[in-house]
Structure formats: structure tokens, C-alpha cells
Amino acid sequence: MRFVFPFLGKTAQRYLEEGIADFAARLGRFVQVEMVVLRDKASRRLPDDLFRQREAEQLLERCADASCLVALDAGGRQLDSEELAGQITEWENRGMKSVHFLIGGHLGLHPDVIRRADLVLSLSRMTFTHEMTRLILMEQLYRAWMIKSGRRYHN
């Protein structure tokens, strides 16, 4: 199985970038991890909805080969760590080759992405920056794999 993370733009904060890389490496012990940084093609001078639509087009174009699309959105389903581990097991049992995790930019995801998603996932009812969401998602996926493998998280 392969987890793909198409990121809209680079992670600006170095400490977040380092954390993302650290958890991606840890996660890579269990699953193939592919992080793709998409260049901003939309101009920030566009109206917000058109800007989000252009981002959606970029994300969905990059996910053409996805077995499963997971959209991160505050209105999505909240899972605890054990439930996320169970979801990963379900993907494995269904033979999912690639799961793509879609995180919106500073304006969030366009409704077209939410509609296309196989799972809309919320990490919290609180709001995080899209860059912090990258780190939190990586950490939670790593934690889920540790649960699945029966290992202690804090070694």
C-alpha cells in the first residue's frame, strides 16, 4: 500500500517541515510514503471560490490513480487512533493500492474535492493551519500503524 500526500505549496515553517519529514520516515517503515509538493498555479488575486477551484483541479489531477481519496475537512468524520488503525486495516483488506490524503490550502478544500472523496476526515473540531494539519495527519497515521502492529508508541 502507498500513502500519497499531494501538498499545495511548500511547508514554510522549518520546524513543521522537519516534523513532517520525521513522521514520514517513521511511517515509511510500514507503508510506502510519497509526498508531492504541487506548485501554486492559482493566483491569490482570484476570488476565493475560483482560487479553491483551481487548487481542487490540481489536487484531483494528481490523484487520478488513487484507489481511495481521503479529504481532510473540519466537517468530516472524527476517528480516534484505534478507529483510524481499523480504517487502515480495512483499506488493506480491500486491496487498496494507494490512498491519497488531500489537505486544502489556506482557504480549505473546494466542495468538488469533498464530493469526490471516499472518506472525509476531521482531525479535530478545532481549526489548524494547513501546514500544521500535514504534521498532525502524519503523526496520527504513524500512531495508527503502531497500534496495528501491536507496538508501543513511546519507545
N, C-alpha and C. Protein backbone atom coordinates (compact mmCIF):
# COMPACT_ATOMS: atom_id res chain seq x y z
N MET A 1 0.85 -1.17 0.00
CA MET A 1 0.00 0.00 0.00
C MET A 1 0.89 1.24 0.00
N ARG A 2 0.37 2.28 -0.61
CA ARG A 2 1.12 3.53 -0.74
C ARG A 2 0.23 4.66 -0.23
N PHE A 3 0.78 5.52 0.62
CA PHE A 3 0.10 6.73 1.07
C PHE A 3 0.71 7.90 0.31
N VAL A 4 -0.15 8.66 -0.36
CA VAL A 4 0.30 9.79 -1.16
C VAL A 4 -0.23 11.08 -0.54
N PHE A 5 0.63 12.05 -0.42
CA PHE A 5 0.29 13.34 0.17
C PHE A 5 0.62 14.44 -0.83
N PRO A 6 -0.33 14.85 -1.66
CA PRO A 6 -0.07 15.98 -2.56
C PRO A 6 -0.29 17.29 -1.78
N PHE A 7 0.80 17.99 -1.51
CA PHE A 7 0.74 19.22 -0.73
C PHE A 7 0.67 20.41 -1.68
N LEU A 8 -0.22 21.34 -1.36
CA LEU A 8 -0.33 22.57 -2.13
C LEU A 8 0.72 23.56 -1.62
N GLY A 9 1.83 23.63 -2.30
CA GLY A 9 2.91 24.51 -1.91
C GLY A 9 3.81 23.90 -0.85
N LYS A 10 4.95 24.51 -0.68
CA LYS A 10 5.94 24.05 0.30
C LYS A 10 5.47 24.39 1.71
N THR A 11 6.03 23.65 2.66
CA THR A 11 5.79 23.96 4.07
C THR A 11 6.75 25.09 4.43
N ALA A 12 6.21 26.23 4.83
CA ALA A 12 7.03 27.42 5.05
C ALA A 12 7.81 27.36 6.35
N GLN A 13 7.21 26.82 7.39
CA GLN A 13 7.87 26.79 8.70
C GLN A 13 8.81 25.59 8.78
N ARG A 14 10.07 25.87 9.05
CA ARG A 14 11.08 24.82 9.06
C ARG A 14 10.79 23.74 10.11
N TYR A 15 10.34 24.14 11.30
CA TYR A 15 10.08 23.15 12.34
C TYR A 15 8.95 22.21 11.94
N LEU A 16 7.96 22.71 11.21
CA LEU A 16 6.89 21.83 10.72
C LEU A 16 7.42 20.91 9.63
N GLU A 17 8.23 21.44 8.74
CA GLU A 17 8.82 20.63 7.67
C GLU A 17 9.66 19.50 8.24
N GLU A 18 10.43 19.79 9.28
CA GLU A 18 11.25 18.76 9.92
C GLU A 18 10.37 17.71 10.59
N GLY A 19 9.31 18.13 11.25
CA GLY A 19 8.40 17.19 11.89
C GLY A 19 7.70 16.30 10.88
N ILE A 20 7.27 16.89 9.78
CA ILE A 20 6.62 16.12 8.72
C ILE A 20 7.58 15.08 8.16
N ALA A 21 8.81 15.49 7.89
CA ALA A 21 9.81 14.57 7.36
C ALA A 21 10.10 13.45 8.36
N ASP A 22 10.17 13.78 9.65
CA ASP A 22 10.43 12.77 10.67
C ASP A 22 9.31 11.73 10.70
N PHE A 23 8.06 12.17 10.76
CA PHE A 23 6.97 11.21 10.82
C PHE A 23 6.76 10.47 9.50
N ALA A 24 7.08 11.12 8.39
CA ALA A 24 7.01 10.42 7.10
C ALA A 24 8.02 9.28 7.07
N ALA A 25 9.21 9.51 7.62
CA ALA A 25 10.24 8.46 7.67
C ALA A 25 9.79 7.32 8.59
N ARG A 26 9.21 7.66 9.73
CA ARG A 26 8.71 6.63 10.65
C ARG A 26 7.59 5.83 9.99
N LEU A 27 6.66 6.54 9.35
CA LEU A 27 5.54 5.90 8.67
C LEU A 27 6.03 5.00 7.54
N GLY A 28 7.14 5.41 6.91
CA GLY A 28 7.72 4.66 5.81
C GLY A 28 8.19 3.27 6.18
N ARG A 29 8.29 2.97 7.46
CA ARG A 29 8.63 1.61 7.89
C ARG A 29 7.46 0.65 7.68
N PHE A 30 6.26 1.20 7.56
CA PHE A 30 5.06 0.38 7.44
C PHE A 30 4.41 0.44 6.06
N VAL A 31 4.53 1.56 5.39
CA VAL A 31 3.84 1.79 4.14
C VAL A 31 4.70 2.72 3.28
N GLN A 32 4.57 2.58 1.97
CA GLN A 32 5.30 3.49 1.08
C GLN A 32 4.68 4.88 1.21
N VAL A 33 5.52 5.89 1.43
CA VAL A 33 5.06 7.27 1.60
C VAL A 33 5.58 8.11 0.45
N GLU A 34 4.66 8.82 -0.18
CA GLU A 34 5.04 9.71 -1.29
C GLU A 34 4.47 11.10 -1.00
N MET A 35 5.37 12.05 -0.80
CA MET A 35 4.95 13.44 -0.62
C MET A 35 5.27 14.20 -1.89
N VAL A 36 4.26 14.87 -2.42
CA VAL A 36 4.41 15.61 -3.66
C VAL A 36 4.04 17.07 -3.39
N VAL A 37 4.95 17.98 -3.67
CA VAL A 37 4.66 19.39 -3.49
C VAL A 37 4.20 19.94 -4.84
N LEU A 38 2.96 20.40 -4.86
CA LEU A 38 2.40 20.98 -6.08
C LEU A 38 2.67 22.48 -6.08
N ARG A 39 3.16 22.97 -7.17
CA ARG A 39 3.41 24.41 -7.29
C ARG A 39 2.10 25.16 -7.35
N ASP A 40 2.07 26.31 -6.70
CA ASP A 40 0.88 27.15 -6.75
C ASP A 40 0.65 27.60 -8.19
N LYS A 41 -0.48 27.17 -8.75
CA LYS A 41 -0.83 27.60 -10.10
C LYS A 41 -1.90 28.68 -10.07
N ALA A 42 -2.60 28.76 -8.95
CA ALA A 42 -3.67 29.75 -8.83
C ALA A 42 -3.12 31.05 -8.27
N SER A 43 -3.58 32.14 -8.80
CA SER A 43 -3.17 33.45 -8.32
C SER A 43 -4.01 33.82 -7.11
N ARG A 44 -3.35 34.33 -6.09
CA ARG A 44 -4.08 34.74 -4.87
C ARG A 44 -4.94 35.97 -5.14
N ARG A 45 -4.83 36.53 -6.31
CA ARG A 45 -5.67 37.68 -6.67
C ARG A 45 -7.05 37.24 -7.16
N LEU A 46 -7.21 35.94 -7.38
CA LEU A 46 -8.52 35.43 -7.82
C LEU A 46 -9.52 35.49 -6.67
N PRO A 47 -10.81 35.54 -6.99
CA PRO A 47 -11.82 35.40 -5.93
C PRO A 47 -11.62 34.07 -5.22
N ASP A 48 -11.93 34.02 -3.92
CA ASP A 48 -11.66 32.85 -3.10
C ASP A 48 -12.19 31.55 -3.70
N ASP A 49 -13.43 31.54 -4.18
CA ASP A 49 -14.01 30.30 -4.69
C ASP A 49 -13.27 29.80 -5.93
N LEU A 50 -12.91 30.73 -6.81
CA LEU A 50 -12.16 30.36 -8.01
C LEU A 50 -10.75 29.88 -7.65
N PHE A 51 -10.15 30.52 -6.66
CA PHE A 51 -8.84 30.10 -6.18
C PHE A 51 -8.91 28.67 -5.66
N ARG A 52 -9.92 28.35 -4.82
CA ARG A 52 -10.07 26.99 -4.29
C ARG A 52 -10.39 26.00 -5.41
N GLN A 53 -11.13 26.44 -6.41
CA GLN A 53 -11.44 25.55 -7.54
C GLN A 53 -10.18 25.18 -8.30
N ARG A 54 -9.30 26.14 -8.51
CA ARG A 54 -8.03 25.86 -9.20
C ARG A 54 -7.18 24.90 -8.38
N GLU A 55 -7.15 25.09 -7.06
CA GLU A 55 -6.42 24.17 -6.20
C GLU A 55 -7.03 22.77 -6.30
N ALA A 56 -8.36 22.71 -6.32
CA ALA A 56 -9.05 21.41 -6.42
C ALA A 56 -8.67 20.70 -7.71
N GLU A 57 -8.62 21.43 -8.80
CA GLU A 57 -8.23 20.84 -10.08
C GLU A 57 -6.83 20.25 -10.01
N GLN A 58 -5.91 20.98 -9.38
CA GLN A 58 -4.54 20.49 -9.22
C GLN A 58 -4.51 19.21 -8.40
N LEU A 59 -5.21 19.21 -7.27
CA LEU A 59 -5.21 18.04 -6.39
C LEU A 59 -5.82 16.84 -7.09
N LEU A 60 -6.98 17.03 -7.69
CA LEU A 60 -7.68 15.90 -8.31
C LEU A 60 -6.93 15.36 -9.52
N GLU A 61 -6.27 16.25 -10.25
CA GLU A 61 -5.45 15.80 -11.39
C GLU A 61 -4.31 14.90 -10.90
N ARG A 62 -3.72 15.26 -9.78
CA ARG A 62 -2.61 14.48 -9.22
C ARG A 62 -3.07 13.14 -8.65
N CYS A 63 -4.37 13.02 -8.39
CA CYS A 63 -4.91 11.83 -7.74
C CYS A 63 -5.66 10.91 -8.70
N ALA A 64 -5.39 11.02 -9.97
CA ALA A 64 -6.11 10.22 -10.96
C ALA A 64 -5.96 8.72 -10.74
N ASP A 65 -4.82 8.30 -10.17
CA ASP A 65 -4.56 6.86 -9.99
C ASP A 65 -4.89 6.38 -8.57
N ALA A 66 -5.57 7.20 -7.79
CA ALA A 66 -5.84 6.85 -6.39
C ALA A 66 -6.87 5.73 -6.28
N SER A 67 -6.61 4.78 -5.39
CA SER A 67 -7.61 3.76 -5.04
C SER A 67 -8.62 4.34 -4.08
N CYS A 68 -8.17 5.29 -3.27
CA CYS A 68 -9.00 5.88 -2.24
C CYS A 68 -8.59 7.33 -2.03
N LEU A 69 -9.57 8.23 -1.96
CA LEU A 69 -9.31 9.64 -1.69
C LEU A 69 -9.82 9.97 -0.29
N VAL A 70 -8.95 10.54 0.53
CA VAL A 70 -9.32 10.99 1.87
C VAL A 70 -9.15 12.50 1.90
N ALA A 71 -10.25 13.21 2.11
CA ALA A 71 -10.22 14.67 2.19
C ALA A 71 -10.23 15.07 3.66
N LEU A 72 -9.34 15.97 4.02
CA LEU A 72 -9.30 16.48 5.38
C LEU A 72 -10.15 17.75 5.44
N ASP A 73 -11.17 17.72 6.30
CA ASP A 73 -12.10 18.84 6.40
C ASP A 73 -12.69 18.85 7.80
N ALA A 74 -12.84 20.03 8.37
CA ALA A 74 -13.37 20.16 9.73
C ALA A 74 -14.75 19.53 9.88
N GLY A 75 -15.52 19.46 8.80
CA GLY A 75 -16.86 18.88 8.86
C GLY A 75 -16.89 17.38 8.65
N GLY A 76 -15.72 16.77 8.55
CA GLY A 76 -15.63 15.34 8.28
C GLY A 76 -15.83 14.48 9.51
N ARG A 77 -15.64 13.20 9.31
CA ARG A 77 -15.80 12.18 10.36
C ARG A 77 -14.58 12.20 11.28
N GLN A 78 -14.82 12.19 12.56
CA GLN A 78 -13.73 12.15 13.52
C GLN A 78 -13.53 10.71 13.99
N LEU A 79 -12.29 10.26 13.92
CA LEU A 79 -11.92 8.92 14.36
C LEU A 79 -10.92 9.04 15.50
N ASP A 80 -11.00 8.11 16.46
CA ASP A 80 -9.90 8.07 17.42
C ASP A 80 -8.78 7.24 16.81
N SER A 81 -7.67 7.13 17.51
CA SER A 81 -6.50 6.47 16.93
C SER A 81 -6.75 5.01 16.61
N GLU A 82 -7.47 4.31 17.47
CA GLU A 82 -7.79 2.90 17.22
C GLU A 82 -8.71 2.75 16.01
N GLU A 83 -9.66 3.66 15.87
CA GLU A 83 -10.55 3.61 14.71
C GLU A 83 -9.79 3.89 13.42
N LEU A 84 -8.83 4.80 13.47
CA LEU A 84 -8.00 5.06 12.29
C LEU A 84 -7.18 3.83 11.94
N ALA A 85 -6.65 3.15 12.95
CA ALA A 85 -5.92 1.90 12.70
C ALA A 85 -6.85 0.88 12.04
N GLY A 86 -8.08 0.80 12.51
CA GLY A 86 -9.06 -0.10 11.90
C GLY A 86 -9.38 0.29 10.47
N GLN A 87 -9.45 1.58 10.19
CA GLN A 87 -9.70 2.05 8.82
C GLN A 87 -8.57 1.64 7.89
N ILE A 88 -7.34 1.75 8.36
CA ILE A 88 -6.19 1.33 7.56
C ILE A 88 -6.25 -0.17 7.29
N THR A 89 -6.60 -0.94 8.30
CA THR A 89 -6.75 -2.38 8.11
C THR A 89 -7.82 -2.68 7.08
N GLU A 90 -8.92 -1.94 7.12
CA GLU A 90 -9.99 -2.12 6.13
C GLU A 90 -9.48 -1.82 4.73
N TRP A 91 -8.69 -0.75 4.57
CA TRP A 91 -8.12 -0.44 3.25
C TRP A 91 -7.23 -1.58 2.77
N GLU A 92 -6.43 -2.11 3.69
CA GLU A 92 -5.57 -3.25 3.33
C GLU A 92 -6.42 -4.44 2.89
N ASN A 93 -7.45 -4.77 3.66
CA ASN A 93 -8.31 -5.91 3.35
C ASN A 93 -9.04 -5.74 2.02
N ARG A 94 -9.32 -4.50 1.65
CA ARG A 94 -9.99 -4.23 0.37
C ARG A 94 -9.00 -4.13 -0.78
N GLY A 95 -7.71 -4.29 -0.48
CA GLY A 95 -6.69 -4.28 -1.53
C GLY A 95 -6.39 -2.92 -2.12
N MET A 96 -6.57 -1.87 -1.32
CA MET A 96 -6.28 -0.51 -1.80
C MET A 96 -4.79 -0.39 -2.10
N LYS A 97 -4.48 0.01 -3.31
CA LYS A 97 -3.07 0.16 -3.69
C LYS A 97 -2.52 1.52 -3.25
N SER A 98 -3.34 2.55 -3.39
CA SER A 98 -2.86 3.89 -3.00
C SER A 98 -3.99 4.69 -2.36
N VAL A 99 -3.67 5.28 -1.24
CA VAL A 99 -4.60 6.16 -0.53
C VAL A 99 -3.99 7.56 -0.59
N HIS A 100 -4.75 8.49 -1.15
CA HIS A 100 -4.29 9.87 -1.28
C HIS A 100 -4.99 10.72 -0.21
N PHE A 101 -4.21 11.48 0.53
CA PHE A 101 -4.72 12.35 1.59
C PHE A 101 -4.66 13.79 1.09
N LEU A 102 -5.83 14.43 1.01
CA LEU A 102 -5.93 15.76 0.43
C LEU A 102 -6.20 16.80 1.51
N ILE A 103 -5.29 17.75 1.60
CA ILE A 103 -5.38 18.85 2.55
C ILE A 103 -5.48 20.12 1.73
N GLY A 104 -6.46 20.93 2.02
CA GLY A 104 -6.63 22.18 1.29
C GLY A 104 -5.55 23.19 1.64
N GLY A 105 -5.56 24.27 0.91
CA GLY A 105 -4.66 25.37 1.20
C GLY A 105 -5.23 26.23 2.31
N HIS A 106 -4.84 27.48 2.34
CA HIS A 106 -5.26 28.37 3.43
C HIS A 106 -6.77 28.62 3.45
N LEU A 107 -7.46 28.35 2.36
CA LEU A 107 -8.92 28.53 2.31
C LEU A 107 -9.68 27.22 2.48
N GLY A 108 -8.97 26.12 2.65
CA GLY A 108 -9.64 24.83 2.78
C GLY A 108 -9.89 24.21 1.41
N LEU A 109 -10.55 23.06 1.42
CA LEU A 109 -10.84 22.33 0.18
C LEU A 109 -12.11 22.84 -0.49
N HIS A 110 -12.09 22.82 -1.80
CA HIS A 110 -13.27 23.17 -2.59
C HIS A 110 -14.29 22.03 -2.44
N PRO A 111 -15.58 22.34 -2.46
CA PRO A 111 -16.62 21.30 -2.35
C PRO A 111 -16.48 20.17 -3.37
N ASP A 112 -15.91 20.43 -4.54
CA ASP A 112 -15.71 19.36 -5.54
C ASP A 112 -14.82 18.25 -4.99
N VAL A 113 -13.80 18.62 -4.22
CA VAL A 113 -12.90 17.63 -3.64
C VAL A 113 -13.63 16.84 -2.57
N ILE A 114 -14.40 17.52 -1.75
CA ILE A 114 -15.16 16.86 -0.68
C ILE A 114 -16.12 15.84 -1.30
N ARG A 115 -16.80 16.23 -2.37
CA ARG A 115 -17.75 15.31 -3.03
C ARG A 115 -17.07 14.10 -3.63
N ARG A 116 -15.86 14.26 -4.14
CA ARG A 116 -15.13 13.15 -4.77
C ARG A 116 -14.49 12.19 -3.77
N ALA A 117 -14.35 12.63 -2.53
CA ALA A 117 -13.63 11.85 -1.53
C ALA A 117 -14.40 10.60 -1.14
N ASP A 118 -13.65 9.53 -0.90
CA ASP A 118 -14.22 8.29 -0.37
C ASP A 118 -14.42 8.39 1.13
N LEU A 119 -13.59 9.21 1.78
CA LEU A 119 -13.70 9.46 3.21
C LEU A 119 -13.36 10.92 3.46
N VAL A 120 -14.24 11.60 4.19
CA VAL A 120 -13.95 12.97 4.63
C VAL A 120 -13.61 12.86 6.11
N LEU A 121 -12.40 13.24 6.44
CA LEU A 121 -11.86 13.03 7.77
C LEU A 121 -11.58 14.36 8.44
N SER A 122 -11.97 14.47 9.70
CA SER A 122 -11.66 15.64 10.51
C SER A 122 -10.69 15.23 11.60
N LEU A 123 -9.62 15.97 11.76
CA LEU A 123 -8.66 15.69 12.81
C LEU A 123 -9.11 16.26 14.15
N SER A 124 -10.00 17.24 14.09
CA SER A 124 -10.46 17.90 15.31
C SER A 124 -11.58 18.88 14.94
N ARG A 125 -12.34 19.27 15.95
CA ARG A 125 -13.31 20.34 15.71
C ARG A 125 -12.61 21.69 15.71
N MET A 126 -11.37 21.72 16.20
CA MET A 126 -10.59 22.96 16.18
C MET A 126 -10.04 23.17 14.77
N THR A 127 -9.62 24.37 14.50
CA THR A 127 -9.04 24.72 13.20
C THR A 127 -7.53 24.78 13.32
N PHE A 128 -6.84 24.13 12.38
CA PHE A 128 -5.39 24.18 12.31
C PHE A 128 -4.99 24.78 10.96
N THR A 129 -3.79 25.33 10.89
CA THR A 129 -3.29 25.77 9.59
C THR A 129 -3.11 24.52 8.72
N HIS A 130 -3.13 24.72 7.41
CA HIS A 130 -2.96 23.56 6.52
C HIS A 130 -1.58 22.93 6.71
N GLU A 131 -0.59 23.72 7.09
CA GLU A 131 0.74 23.16 7.31
C GLU A 131 0.79 22.34 8.60
N MET A 132 0.13 22.80 9.65
CA MET A 132 0.06 22.01 10.88
C MET A 132 -0.73 20.73 10.65
N THR A 133 -1.75 20.81 9.82
CA THR A 133 -2.56 19.63 9.50
C THR A 133 -1.69 18.55 8.88
N ARG A 134 -0.74 18.94 8.05
CA ARG A 134 0.18 17.97 7.44
C ARG A 134 0.91 17.17 8.52
N LEU A 135 1.45 17.89 9.50
CA LEU A 135 2.21 17.24 10.57
C LEU A 135 1.29 16.37 11.44
N ILE A 136 0.17 16.89 11.84
CA ILE A 136 -0.75 16.14 12.70
C ILE A 136 -1.23 14.88 12.00
N LEU A 137 -1.56 14.98 10.72
CA LEU A 137 -2.00 13.81 9.96
C LEU A 137 -0.91 12.75 9.90
N MET A 138 0.32 13.15 9.59
CA MET A 138 1.43 12.20 9.54
C MET A 138 1.62 11.49 10.87
N GLU A 139 1.57 12.26 11.96
CA GLU A 139 1.75 11.68 13.29
C GLU A 139 0.63 10.71 13.60
N GLN A 140 -0.60 11.05 13.27
CA GLN A 140 -1.73 10.18 13.57
C GLN A 140 -1.69 8.90 12.73
N LEU A 141 -1.25 8.99 11.49
CA LEU A 141 -1.12 7.79 10.66
C LEU A 141 -0.02 6.88 11.21
N TYR A 142 1.09 7.48 11.64
CA TYR A 142 2.15 6.68 12.26
C TYR A 142 1.64 6.00 13.53
N ARG A 143 0.93 6.75 14.36
CA ARG A 143 0.36 6.19 15.59
C ARG A 143 -0.57 5.02 15.26
N ALA A 144 -1.40 5.18 14.24
CA ALA A 144 -2.33 4.11 13.84
C ALA A 144 -1.57 2.85 13.43
N TRP A 145 -0.47 3.01 12.68
CA TRP A 145 0.32 1.85 12.28
C TRP A 145 0.98 1.19 13.48
N MET A 146 1.39 1.98 14.46
CA MET A 146 1.96 1.40 15.68
C MET A 146 0.90 0.58 16.41
N ILE A 147 -0.31 1.08 16.46
CA ILE A 147 -1.42 0.34 17.09
C ILE A 147 -1.66 -0.95 16.33
N LYS A 148 -1.73 -0.85 14.99
CA LYS A 148 -1.97 -2.03 14.15
C LYS A 148 -0.91 -3.11 14.36
N SER A 149 0.33 -2.67 14.55
CA SER A 149 1.43 -3.62 14.67
C SER A 149 1.62 -4.12 16.09
N GLY A 150 0.82 -3.61 17.02
CA GLY A 150 0.91 -4.06 18.40
C GLY A 150 2.12 -3.52 19.15
N ARG A 151 2.70 -2.46 18.62
CA ARG A 151 3.88 -1.87 19.26
C ARG A 151 3.47 -0.70 20.15
N ARG A 152 4.33 -0.44 21.12
CA ARG A 152 4.12 0.74 21.96
C ARG A 152 4.54 1.97 21.18
N TYR A 153 3.77 3.04 21.33
CA TYR A 153 4.09 4.27 20.61
C TYR A 153 5.34 4.94 21.19
N HIS A 154 5.43 5.01 22.50
CA HIS A 154 6.55 5.73 23.16
C HIS A 154 7.64 4.73 23.53
N ASN A 155 8.55 4.49 22.61
CA ASN A 155 9.67 3.57 22.87
C ASN A 155 10.91 4.33 23.25
